[in-house]
C-alpha atoms as a PDB file:
ATOM      1  CA  MET A   1      89.132 -79.915  90.608  1.00  0.00           C
ATOM      2  CA  GLU A   2      89.015 -77.091  88.090  1.00  0.00           C
ATOM      3  CA  LEU A   3      87.857 -73.592  88.930  1.00  0.00           C
ATOM      4  CA  VAL A   4      86.419 -71.215  86.369  1.00  0.00           C
ATOM      5  CA  ASP A   5      85.767 -67.545  87.025  1.00  0.00           C
ATOM      6  CA  GLU A   6      82.055 -67.155  86.436  1.00  0.00           C
ATOM      7  CA  ARG A   7      81.699 -63.570  87.584  1.00  0.00           C
ATOM      8  CA  TYR A   8      79.735 -61.380  85.206  1.00  0.00           C
ATOM      9  CA  THR A   9      78.653 -64.238  82.928  1.00  0.00           C
ATOM     10  CA  SER A  10      74.989 -63.453  83.615  1.00  0.00           C
ATOM     11  CA  VAL A  11      75.634 -59.797  82.829  1.00  0.00           C
ATOM     12  CA  GLU A  12      77.322 -60.768  79.554  1.00  0.00           C
ATOM     13  CA  ALA A  13      74.470 -63.162  78.749  1.00  0.00           C
ATOM     14  CA  GLU A  14      71.913 -60.403  79.296  1.00  0.00           C
ATOM     15  CA  HIS A  15      73.981 -58.125  77.078  1.00  0.00           C
ATOM     16  CA  ARG A  16      74.005 -60.738  74.294  1.00  0.00           C
ATOM     17  CA  LEU A  17      70.252 -61.198  74.583  1.00  0.00           C
ATOM     18  CA  ARG A  18      69.519 -57.479  74.682  1.00  0.00           C
ATOM     19  CA  GLY A  19      66.427 -56.555  72.730  1.00  0.00           C
ATOM     20  CA  SER A  20      64.825 -59.951  73.136  1.00  0.00           C
ATOM     21  CA  ARG A  21      62.389 -61.103  75.764  1.00  0.00           C
ATOM     22  CA  ALA A  22      64.990 -63.167  77.563  1.00  0.00           C
ATOM     23  CA  THR A  23      63.805 -65.427  80.338  1.00  0.00           C
ATOM     24  CA  LYS A  24      65.886 -66.346  83.384  1.00  0.00           C
ATOM     25  CA  LEU A  25      66.343 -69.805  81.864  1.00  0.00           C
ATOM     26  CA  ALA A  26      67.685 -68.323  78.603  1.00  0.00           C
ATOM     27  CA  ILE A  27      70.095 -66.072  80.489  1.00  0.00           C
ATOM     28  CA  ASP A  28      71.303 -68.991  82.625  1.00  0.00           C
ATOM     29  CA  SER A  29      71.790 -71.132  79.509  1.00  0.00           C
ATOM     30  CA  ILE A  30      73.889 -68.478  77.776  1.00  0.00           C
ATOM     31  CA  ALA A  31      75.869 -67.905  80.984  1.00  0.00           C
ATOM     32  CA  ALA A  32      76.604 -71.644  81.203  1.00  0.00           C
ATOM     33  CA  GLN A  33      77.747 -71.607  77.588  1.00  0.00           C
ATOM     34  CA  LEU A  34      80.081 -68.691  78.334  1.00  0.00           C
ATOM     35  CA  ILE A  35      81.557 -70.525  81.327  1.00  0.00           C
ATOM     36  CA  LEU A  36      82.257 -73.600  79.177  1.00  0.00           C
ATOM     37  CA  GLU A  37      83.781 -71.480  76.404  1.00  0.00           C
ATOM     38  CA  GLN A  38      86.037 -69.769  78.936  1.00  0.00           C
ATOM     39  CA  TYR A  39      87.049 -73.108  80.432  1.00  0.00           C
ATOM     40  CA  PHE A  40      87.975 -74.639  77.070  1.00  0.00           C
ATOM     41  CA  ASN A  41      89.719 -71.485  75.834  1.00  0.00           C
ATOM     42  CA  GLU A  42      91.915 -71.337  78.930  1.00  0.00           C
ATOM     43  CA  ARG A  43      92.943 -74.971  78.516  1.00  0.00           C
ATOM     44  CA  ALA A  44      93.703 -74.597  74.807  1.00  0.00           C
ATOM     45  CA  ALA A  45      96.262 -71.859  75.409  1.00  0.00           C
END
């Protein structure tokens, strides 16, 4: 089992979508993308 630190991903997603009319679904989608990016980046190192 792999663990990924997902704290603050929603905050970062909201920051990236600032100025747009972001829905909860859009924020969750960006947060999921950030979690996957973090996961792959940590394994590539």
